[in-house]
Amino acid sequence: MNVLVFNLETIPDIKAGQAIFDLQGLDDKSTVKAMRHIHQQKSGSDILPLHLLKIVAISIVYRGIGDDMGKWLAVRSLGDKSSSEADLLQQFFDEVEGRTPVIVSWGGSAFDFPVIHYRALRHGISAPAYWENGKNNKEYRHDNYLSRHHERHTDLKDVLASYNPEASAPLNDMAKLLGFPGKIGLEGSQVWDEYQSGNINGIRNSCETDTLNTYLIYLRYQLIRGEISSEVLEKEFNLLREVLDNNDQEKAHLLDFSKHWV
């Protein structure tokens, strides 16, 4: 089965905030400040709800092990720095529709996929294989992307905490605990400011390193499940190191990730 590990980065949805809170006429910075203030007055937190977020980066680690693909490992962000949100979502669902991989996330059930659902609805993006629950394809009846306890979407944060939110761990903590680099790049709270300054590449690069941490944890997870042996795990690690160390100079953050990998 092919494996698609992913992570995304978001910013406040200016147009949604202006429409919902009647903030027309304000510039982007003032709109976001007002959105956060209004939400804080309602909820006590200035962290915006998921339906008020917009996707600016989707990064993936793709491990192809299908008979028609040989063995392929790729680390990349979808689209480019000028890609629209609709383009990013379409490319993401194209990967899912075309390859029906196991999708792996860290917290995807609580964050990434709800955001993706809202934004796909916003842009009218069709993805029948993703939404399939067994009605049209019996293979999806007991293993689909939508059901929390199915493996077709494996939310590592959820699974490792035994589906108990109080027991869940941050990605950075778990990565470092296992000897992986952990957070390299931007914190989530910095993304909006970096986006305003035009640092889209920095956002995409940071998203890629978060995705790499998730992939490494997934490999260790496959080991403890008995899906792979210690020897196979080491081969997968070596393959990833080779990919990271032999990328072009525009991917210096991947070299940095490799250097910090114990």
C-alpha atoms as a PDB file:
ATOM      1  CA  MET A   1       0.000   0.000   0.000  1.00  0.00           C
ATOM      2  CA  ASN A   2       1.289   3.468  -0.861  1.00  0.00           C
ATOM      3  CA  VAL A   3       1.703   5.885   2.041  1.00  0.00           C
ATOM      4  CA  LEU A   4       1.024   9.624   1.972  1.00  0.00           C
ATOM      5  CA  VAL A   5       2.095  11.564   5.073  1.00  0.00           C
ATOM      6  CA  PHE A   6       0.963  15.161   5.117  1.00  0.00           C
ATOM      7  CA  ASN A   7       0.824  18.385   7.075  1.00  0.00           C
ATOM      8  CA  LEU A   8      -0.648  21.784   6.305  1.00  0.00           C
ATOM      9  CA  GLU A   9      -0.204  25.401   7.372  1.00  0.00           C
ATOM     10  CA  THR A  10      -3.036  27.904   7.640  1.00  0.00           C
ATOM     11  CA  ILE A  11      -3.724  31.603   8.029  1.00  0.00           C
ATOM     12  CA  PRO A  12      -6.925  33.463   8.948  1.00  0.00           C
ATOM     13  CA  ASP A  13      -9.459  33.604   6.105  1.00  0.00           C
ATOM     14  CA  ILE A  14      -9.805  37.345   5.541  1.00  0.00           C
ATOM     15  CA  LYS A  15     -12.845  37.113   3.264  1.00  0.00           C
ATOM     16  CA  ALA A  16     -14.683  34.825   5.684  1.00  0.00           C
ATOM     17  CA  GLY A  17     -13.982  37.162   8.578  1.00  0.00           C
ATOM     18  CA  GLN A  18     -15.187  40.199   6.663  1.00  0.00           C
ATOM     19  CA  ALA A  19     -18.384  38.423   5.581  1.00  0.00           C
ATOM     20  CA  ILE A  20     -19.259  36.777   8.891  1.00  0.00           C
ATOM     21  CA  PHE A  21     -18.332  39.651  11.199  1.00  0.00           C
ATOM     22  CA  ASP A  22     -19.217  42.494   8.820  1.00  0.00           C
ATOM     23  CA  LEU A  23     -15.658  43.818   8.679  1.00  0.00           C
ATOM     24  CA  GLN A  24     -15.661  45.184   5.134  1.00  0.00           C
ATOM     25  CA  GLY A  25     -13.387  48.141   4.612  1.00  0.00           C
ATOM     26  CA  LEU A  26     -10.630  46.998   6.966  1.00  0.00           C
ATOM     27  CA  ASP A  27      -7.195  46.035   5.697  1.00  0.00           C
ATOM     28  CA  ASP A  28      -5.984  42.454   6.185  1.00  0.00           C
ATOM     29  CA  LYS A  29      -4.038  43.104   9.392  1.00  0.00           C
ATOM     30  CA  SER A  30      -6.910  44.988  11.006  1.00  0.00           C
ATOM     31  CA  THR A  31      -9.399  42.333   9.887  1.00  0.00           C
ATOM     32  CA  VAL A  32      -7.437  39.539  11.558  1.00  0.00           C
ATOM     33  CA  LYS A  33      -7.022  41.591  14.721  1.00  0.00           C
ATOM     34  CA  ALA A  34     -10.773  42.195  14.814  1.00  0.00           C
ATOM     35  CA  MET A  35     -11.550  38.509  14.095  1.00  0.00           C
ATOM     36  CA  ARG A  36      -9.385  37.391  16.972  1.00  0.00           C
ATOM     37  CA  HIS A  37     -10.824  39.998  19.319  1.00  0.00           C
ATOM     38  CA  ILE A  38     -14.413  39.028  18.488  1.00  0.00           C
ATOM     39  CA  HIS A  39     -13.689  35.336  18.935  1.00  0.00           C
ATOM     40  CA  GLN A  40     -11.899  35.969  22.223  1.00  0.00           C
ATOM     41  CA  GLN A  41     -14.916  37.862  23.519  1.00  0.00           C
ATOM     42  CA  LYS A  42     -17.094  34.859  22.657  1.00  0.00           C
ATOM     43  CA  SER A  43     -14.846  31.983  23.685  1.00  0.00           C
ATOM     44  CA  GLY A  44     -12.065  33.360  25.864  1.00  0.00           C
ATOM     45  CA  SER A  45      -9.443  32.427  23.260  1.00  0.00           C
ATOM     46  CA  ASP A  46      -8.106  34.351  20.285  1.00  0.00           C
ATOM     47  CA  ILE A  47      -7.313  31.112  18.419  1.00  0.00           C
ATOM     48  CA  LEU A  48      -9.678  31.155  15.471  1.00  0.00           C
ATOM     49  CA  PRO A  49     -12.076  28.242  14.822  1.00  0.00           C
ATOM     50  CA  LEU A  50     -11.235  25.904  11.956  1.00  0.00           C
ATOM     51  CA  HIS A  51     -13.888  27.194   9.561  1.00  0.00           C
ATOM     52  CA  LEU A  52     -12.191  30.617   9.635  1.00  0.00           C
ATOM     53  CA  LEU A  53      -8.825  29.308   8.424  1.00  0.00           C
ATOM     54  CA  LYS A  54      -7.320  29.233   4.949  1.00  0.00           C
ATOM     55  CA  ILE A  55      -4.683  26.780   3.727  1.00  0.00           C
ATOM     56  CA  VAL A  56      -1.416  28.268   2.430  1.00  0.00           C
ATOM     57  CA  ALA A  57       0.778  25.144   2.334  1.00  0.00           C
ATOM     58  CA  ILE A  58       0.337  21.380   2.095  1.00  0.00           C
ATOM     59  CA  SER A  59       3.480  19.276   2.379  1.00  0.00           C
ATOM     60  CA  ILE A  60       3.783  15.548   1.831  1.00  0.00           C
ATOM     61  CA  VAL A  61       6.153  12.641   2.217  1.00  0.00           C
ATOM     62  CA  TYR A  62       5.108  10.069  -0.351  1.00  0.00           C
ATOM     63  CA  ARG A  63       6.341   6.476  -0.106  1.00  0.00           C
ATOM     64  CA  GLY A  64       5.349   4.515  -3.159  1.00  0.00           C
ATOM     65  CA  ILE A  65       5.505   0.743  -2.863  1.00  0.00           C
ATOM     66  CA  GLY A  66       2.923  -0.207  -5.450  1.00  0.00           C
ATOM     67  CA  ASP A  67       3.755  -2.800  -8.105  1.00  0.00           C
ATOM     68  CA  ASP A  68       3.468  -0.157 -10.803  1.00  0.00           C
ATOM     69  CA  MET A  69       5.783   2.306  -9.084  1.00  0.00           C
ATOM     70  CA  GLY A  70       8.661   0.293  -7.673  1.00  0.00           C
ATOM     71  CA  LYS A  71       9.954   2.039  -4.564  1.00  0.00           C
ATOM     72  CA  TRP A  72       9.683   5.801  -4.609  1.00  0.00           C
ATOM     73  CA  LEU A  73      10.221   8.285  -1.784  1.00  0.00           C
ATOM     74  CA  ALA A  74       9.487  11.980  -2.275  1.00  0.00           C
ATOM     75  CA  VAL A  75       9.463  14.956   0.085  1.00  0.00           C
ATOM     76  CA  ARG A  76       7.796  18.057  -1.276  1.00  0.00           C
ATOM     77  CA  SER A  77       5.192  20.766  -0.910  1.00  0.00           C
ATOM     78  CA  LEU A  78       2.306  20.749  -3.335  1.00  0.00           C
ATOM     79  CA  GLY A  79       2.155  23.465  -5.971  1.00  0.00           C
ATOM     80  CA  ASP A  80       4.492  26.424  -5.672  1.00  0.00           C
ATOM     81  CA  LYS A  81       4.571  29.663  -3.718  1.00  0.00           C
ATOM     82  CA  SER A  82       2.072  31.273  -6.097  1.00  0.00           C
ATOM     83  CA  SER A  83      -0.447  28.396  -6.037  1.00  0.00           C
ATOM     84  CA  SER A  84      -3.959  29.225  -4.896  1.00  0.00           C
ATOM     85  CA  GLU A  85      -5.648  27.375  -2.066  1.00  0.00           C
ATOM     86  CA  ALA A  86      -7.931  25.667  -4.579  1.00  0.00           C
ATOM     87  CA  ASP A  87      -4.890  24.474  -6.547  1.00  0.00           C
ATOM     88  CA  LEU A  88      -3.275  23.031  -3.406  1.00  0.00           C
ATOM     89  CA  LEU A  89      -6.442  21.201  -2.443  1.00  0.00           C
ATOM     90  CA  GLN A  90      -6.965  19.868  -5.962  1.00  0.00           C
ATOM     91  CA  GLN A  91      -3.415  18.508  -6.029  1.00  0.00           C
ATOM     92  CA  PHE A  92      -3.876  16.916  -2.622  1.00  0.00           C
ATOM     93  CA  PHE A  93      -7.047  15.148  -3.678  1.00  0.00           C
ATOM     94  CA  ASP A  94      -5.467  14.177  -6.994  1.00  0.00           C
ATOM     95  CA  GLU A  95      -2.834  12.287  -4.978  1.00  0.00           C
ATOM     96  CA  VAL A  96      -5.560  10.563  -2.970  1.00  0.00           C
ATOM     97  CA  GLU A  97      -7.848   9.824  -5.911  1.00  0.00           C
ATOM     98  CA  GLY A  98      -5.068   8.567  -8.154  1.00  0.00           C
ATOM     99  CA  ARG A  99      -3.179   6.408  -5.667  1.00  0.00           C
ATOM    100  CA  THR A 100      -5.615   5.658  -2.800  1.00  0.00           C
ATOM    101  CA  PRO A 101      -2.761   5.651  -0.294  1.00  0.00           C
ATOM    102  CA  VAL A 102      -2.826   5.191   3.428  1.00  0.00           C
ATOM    103  CA  ILE A 103      -2.911   8.800   4.648  1.00  0.00           C
ATOM    104  CA  VAL A 104      -0.872   9.524   7.760  1.00  0.00           C
ATOM    105  CA  SER A 105      -1.181  12.651   9.871  1.00  0.00           C
ATOM    106  CA  TRP A 106      -0.403  14.006  13.306  1.00  0.00           C
ATOM    107  CA  GLY A 107      -3.669  15.423  14.611  1.00  0.00           C
ATOM    108  CA  GLY A 108      -5.355  15.247  11.235  1.00  0.00           C
ATOM    109  CA  SER A 109      -8.694  14.126  12.645  1.00  0.00           C
ATOM    110  CA  ALA A 110      -9.008  17.151  14.910  1.00  0.00           C
ATOM    111  CA  PHE A 111      -7.391  19.809  12.733  1.00  0.00           C
ATOM    112  CA  ASP A 112      -6.104  19.141   9.224  1.00  0.00           C
ATOM    113  CA  PHE A 113      -9.033  17.236   7.772  1.00  0.00           C
ATOM    114  CA  PRO A 114     -11.811  19.437   9.177  1.00  0.00           C
ATOM    115  CA  VAL A 115      -9.995  22.410   7.636  1.00  0.00           C
ATOM    116  CA  ILE A 116      -9.612  20.525   4.353  1.00  0.00           C
ATOM    117  CA  HIS A 117     -13.299  19.623   4.379  1.00  0.00           C
ATOM    118  CA  TYR A 118     -14.418  23.219   4.904  1.00  0.00           C
ATOM    119  CA  ARG A 119     -12.068  24.532   2.229  1.00  0.00           C
ATOM    120  CA  ALA A 120     -12.980  21.809  -0.288  1.00  0.00           C
ATOM    121  CA  LEU A 121     -16.618  22.738   0.285  1.00  0.00           C
ATOM    122  CA  ARG A 122     -15.713  26.386  -0.218  1.00  0.00           C
ATOM    123  CA  HIS A 123     -14.036  25.693  -3.571  1.00  0.00           C
ATOM    124  CA  GLY A 124     -16.349  22.906  -4.749  1.00  0.00           C
ATOM    125  CA  ILE A 125     -13.627  20.286  -5.124  1.00  0.00           C
ATOM    126  CA  SER A 126     -14.876  16.785  -5.869  1.00  0.00           C
ATOM    127  CA  ALA A 127     -13.034  13.771  -4.424  1.00  0.00           C
ATOM    128  CA  PRO A 128     -15.265  10.663  -4.580  1.00  0.00           C
ATOM    129  CA  ALA A 129     -12.613   8.166  -3.442  1.00  0.00           C
ATOM    130  CA  TYR A 130     -11.812  10.235  -0.379  1.00  0.00           C
ATOM    131  CA  TRP A 131     -15.479  10.498   0.643  1.00  0.00           C
ATOM    132  CA  GLU A 132     -16.313   6.884  -0.193  1.00  0.00           C
ATOM    133  CA  ASN A 133     -17.672   5.007   2.846  1.00  0.00           C
ATOM    134  CA  GLY A 134     -18.582   1.686   1.266  1.00  0.00           C
ATOM    135  CA  LYS A 135     -21.801   2.679  -0.425  1.00  0.00           C
ATOM    136  CA  ASN A 136     -20.358   2.403  -3.927  1.00  0.00           C
ATOM    137  CA  ASN A 137     -17.188   0.422  -3.197  1.00  0.00           C
ATOM    138  CA  LYS A 138     -17.396  -2.413  -0.679  1.00  0.00           C
ATOM    139  CA  GLU A 139     -13.631  -2.287  -0.091  1.00  0.00           C
ATOM    140  CA  TYR A 140     -14.171   0.980   1.782  1.00  0.00           C
ATOM    141  CA  ARG A 141     -16.884  -0.357   4.072  1.00  0.00           C
ATOM    142  CA  HIS A 142     -14.489  -1.410   6.806  1.00  0.00           C
ATOM    143  CA  ASP A 143     -11.529   0.777   5.922  1.00  0.00           C
ATOM    144  CA  ASN A 144     -12.131   4.305   4.641  1.00  0.00           C
ATOM    145  CA  TYR A 145     -10.694   7.780   5.109  1.00  0.00           C
ATOM    146  CA  LEU A 146     -13.605   9.102   7.147  1.00  0.00           C
ATOM    147  CA  SER A 147     -13.916   6.663  10.043  1.00  0.00           C
ATOM    148  CA  ARG A 148     -11.794   7.517  13.059  1.00  0.00           C
ATOM    149  CA  HIS A 149     -10.727   3.952  13.865  1.00  0.00           C
ATOM    150  CA  HIS A 150      -9.881   2.878  10.318  1.00  0.00           C
ATOM    151  CA  GLU A 151      -6.310   2.698   9.055  1.00  0.00           C
ATOM    152  CA  ARG A 152      -6.820   4.232   5.627  1.00  0.00           C
ATOM    153  CA  HIS A 153      -6.346   7.504   7.487  1.00  0.00           C
ATOM    154  CA  THR A 154      -3.972   6.899  10.386  1.00  0.00           C
ATOM    155  CA  ASP A 155      -3.890   9.834  12.780  1.00  0.00           C
ATOM    156  CA  LEU A 156      -0.817   8.963  14.824  1.00  0.00           C
ATOM    157  CA  LYS A 157      -1.562  11.522  17.519  1.00  0.00           C
ATOM    158  CA  ASP A 158      -4.988   9.978  18.004  1.00  0.00           C
ATOM    159  CA  VAL A 159      -3.936   6.329  17.792  1.00  0.00           C
ATOM    160  CA  LEU A 160      -0.928   6.580  20.100  1.00  0.00           C
ATOM    161  CA  ALA A 161      -3.036   8.357  22.742  1.00  0.00           C
ATOM    162  CA  SER A 162      -5.652   5.585  22.535  1.00  0.00           C
ATOM    163  CA  TYR A 163      -8.110   8.177  21.193  1.00  0.00           C
ATOM    164  CA  ASN A 164      -7.881  10.092  24.481  1.00  0.00           C
ATOM    165  CA  PRO A 165      -7.258  13.824  23.875  1.00  0.00           C
ATOM    166  CA  GLU A 166      -5.956  14.257  27.421  1.00  0.00           C
ATOM    167  CA  ALA A 167      -3.208  11.719  26.702  1.00  0.00           C
ATOM    168  CA  SER A 168      -2.101  13.176  23.359  1.00  0.00           C
ATOM    169  CA  ALA A 169       1.430  14.497  22.866  1.00  0.00           C
ATOM    170  CA  PRO A 170       2.805  17.334  20.720  1.00  0.00           C
ATOM    171  CA  LEU A 171       4.570  16.303  17.513  1.00  0.00           C
ATOM    172  CA  ASN A 172       7.752  18.147  18.489  1.00  0.00           C
ATOM    173  CA  ASP A 173       7.958  16.354  21.846  1.00  0.00           C
ATOM    174  CA  MET A 174       7.421  12.904  20.397  1.00  0.00           C
ATOM    175  CA  ALA A 175       9.889  13.472  17.586  1.00  0.00           C
ATOM    176  CA  LYS A 176      12.639  14.544  19.976  1.00  0.00           C
ATOM    177  CA  LEU A 177      11.803  11.733  22.378  1.00  0.00           C
ATOM    178  CA  LEU A 178      12.497   9.274  19.572  1.00  0.00           C
ATOM    179  CA  GLY A 179      15.745  10.947  18.499  1.00  0.00           C
ATOM    180  CA  PHE A 180      14.333  12.785  15.490  1.00  0.00           C
ATOM    181  CA  PRO A 181      15.004  16.494  14.816  1.00  0.00           C
ATOM    182  CA  GLY A 182      11.636  17.867  15.920  1.00  0.00           C
ATOM    183  CA  LYS A 183      10.554  21.381  15.023  1.00  0.00           C
ATOM    184  CA  ILE A 184      12.848  23.104  12.523  1.00  0.00           C
ATOM    185  CA  GLY A 185      11.509  26.364  11.186  1.00  0.00           C
ATOM    186  CA  LEU A 186       8.411  28.314  12.062  1.00  0.00           C
ATOM    187  CA  GLU A 187       6.017  27.880  14.940  1.00  0.00           C
ATOM    188  CA  GLY A 188       2.351  27.882  14.005  1.00  0.00           C
ATOM    189  CA  SER A 189       1.886  31.252  15.679  1.00  0.00           C
ATOM    190  CA  GLN A 190       4.445  32.781  13.301  1.00  0.00           C
ATOM    191  CA  VAL A 191       2.837  31.690  10.043  1.00  0.00           C
ATOM    192  CA  TRP A 192       0.495  34.670   9.657  1.00  0.00           C
ATOM    193  CA  ASP A 193       3.275  37.227  10.162  1.00  0.00           C
ATOM    194  CA  GLU A 194       5.579  35.342   7.802  1.00  0.00           C
ATOM    195  CA  TYR A 195       2.818  35.146   5.223  1.00  0.00           C
ATOM    196  CA  GLN A 196       2.297  38.899   5.433  1.00  0.00           C
ATOM    197  CA  SER A 197       6.005  39.447   4.896  1.00  0.00           C
ATOM    198  CA  GLY A 198       5.914  37.253   1.793  1.00  0.00           C
ATOM    199  CA  ASN A 199       7.916  34.350   3.223  1.00  0.00           C
ATOM    200  CA  ILE A 200       5.865  31.640   1.547  1.00  0.00           C
ATOM    201  CA  ASN A 201       8.928  29.478   0.946  1.00  0.00           C
ATOM    202  CA  GLY A 202       9.783  29.586   4.635  1.00  0.00           C
ATOM    203  CA  ILE A 203       6.261  28.430   5.490  1.00  0.00           C
ATOM    204  CA  ARG A 204       6.431  25.599   2.949  1.00  0.00           C
ATOM    205  CA  ASN A 205       9.862  24.507   4.177  1.00  0.00           C
ATOM    206  CA  SER A 206       8.743  24.432   7.796  1.00  0.00           C
ATOM    207  CA  CYS A 207       5.684  22.429   6.803  1.00  0.00           C
ATOM    208  CA  GLU A 208       7.920  19.878   5.064  1.00  0.00           C
ATOM    209  CA  THR A 209      10.056  19.308   8.164  1.00  0.00           C
ATOM    210  CA  ASP A 210       6.947  18.774  10.301  1.00  0.00           C
ATOM    211  CA  THR A 211       5.823  16.195   7.755  1.00  0.00           C
ATOM    212  CA  LEU A 212       9.204  14.477   7.930  1.00  0.00           C
ATOM    213  CA  ASN A 213       8.927  14.150  11.705  1.00  0.00           C
ATOM    214  CA  THR A 214       5.504  12.568  11.267  1.00  0.00           C
ATOM    215  CA  TYR A 215       6.850  10.121   8.683  1.00  0.00           C
ATOM    216  CA  LEU A 216       9.703   9.036  10.946  1.00  0.00           C
ATOM    217  CA  ILE A 217       7.305   8.425  13.820  1.00  0.00           C
ATOM    218  CA  TYR A 218       5.087   6.437  11.449  1.00  0.00           C
ATOM    219  CA  LEU A 219       7.991   4.170  10.536  1.00  0.00           C
ATOM    220  CA  ARG A 220       8.670   3.512  14.223  1.00  0.00           C
ATOM    221  CA  TYR A 221       4.953   2.878  14.698  1.00  0.00           C
ATOM    222  CA  GLN A 222       5.060   0.301  11.908  1.00  0.00           C
ATOM    223  CA  LEU A 223       7.927  -1.393  13.733  1.00  0.00           C
ATOM    224  CA  ILE A 224       6.072  -1.778  17.044  1.00  0.00           C
ATOM    225  CA  ARG A 225       3.035  -3.105  15.164  1.00  0.00           C
ATOM    226  CA  GLY A 226       5.187  -5.789  13.568  1.00  0.00           C
ATOM    227  CA  GLU A 227       4.473  -4.474  10.080  1.00  0.00           C
ATOM    228  CA  ILE A 228       8.196  -4.012   9.417  1.00  0.00           C
ATOM    229  CA  SER A 229      11.339  -5.477  10.979  1.00  0.00           C
ATOM    230  CA  SER A 230      14.259  -3.620  12.526  1.00  0.00           C
ATOM    231  CA  GLU A 231      16.252  -4.358   9.367  1.00  0.00           C
ATOM    232  CA  VAL A 232      13.556  -2.873   7.133  1.00  0.00           C
ATOM    233  CA  LEU A 233      13.245   0.136   9.416  1.00  0.00           C
ATOM    234  CA  GLU A 234      16.960   0.819   9.070  1.00  0.00           C
ATOM    235  CA  LYS A 235      16.710   0.510   5.285  1.00  0.00           C
ATOM    236  CA  GLU A 236      13.830   3.010   5.271  1.00  0.00           C
ATOM    237  CA  PHE A 237      15.837   5.402   7.426  1.00  0.00           C
ATOM    238  CA  ASN A 238      18.825   5.111   5.094  1.00  0.00           C
ATOM    239  CA  LEU A 239      16.659   5.702   2.037  1.00  0.00           C
ATOM    240  CA  LEU A 240      15.227   8.843   3.589  1.00  0.00           C
ATOM    241  CA  ARG A 241      18.684  10.112   4.569  1.00  0.00           C
ATOM    242  CA  GLU A 242      19.789   9.591   0.960  1.00  0.00           C
ATOM    243  CA  VAL A 243      16.824  11.599  -0.331  1.00  0.00           C
ATOM    244  CA  LEU A 244      17.450  14.421   2.149  1.00  0.00           C
ATOM    245  CA  ASP A 245      21.195  14.575   1.526  1.00  0.00           C
ATOM    246  CA  ASN A 246      20.954  14.544  -2.271  1.00  0.00           C
ATOM    247  CA  ASN A 247      18.401  17.271  -2.897  1.00  0.00           C
ATOM    248  CA  ASP A 248      19.083  20.527  -4.726  1.00  0.00           C
ATOM    249  CA  GLN A 249      20.433  23.645  -3.016  1.00  0.00           C
ATOM    250  CA  GLU A 250      16.977  25.212  -2.777  1.00  0.00           C
ATOM    251  CA  LYS A 251      16.165  22.535  -0.215  1.00  0.00           C
ATOM    252  CA  ALA A 252      18.777  23.495   2.383  1.00  0.00           C
ATOM    253  CA  HIS A 253      16.207  22.910   5.137  1.00  0.00           C
ATOM    254  CA  LEU A 254      16.184  19.209   4.251  1.00  0.00           C
ATOM    255  CA  LEU A 255      19.950  19.049   4.676  1.00  0.00           C
ATOM    256  CA  ASP A 256      19.546  20.831   7.989  1.00  0.00           C
ATOM    257  CA  PHE A 257      16.937  18.294   9.053  1.00  0.00           C
ATOM    258  CA  SER A 258      19.280  15.450   8.150  1.00  0.00           C
ATOM    259  CA  LYS A 259      22.146  17.001  10.154  1.00  0.00           C
ATOM    260  CA  HIS A 260      19.937  17.259  13.251  1.00  0.00           C
ATOM    261  CA  TRP A 261      18.794  13.646  12.928  1.00  0.00           C
ATOM    262  CA  VAL A 262      20.563  11.613  15.635  1.00  0.00           C
END
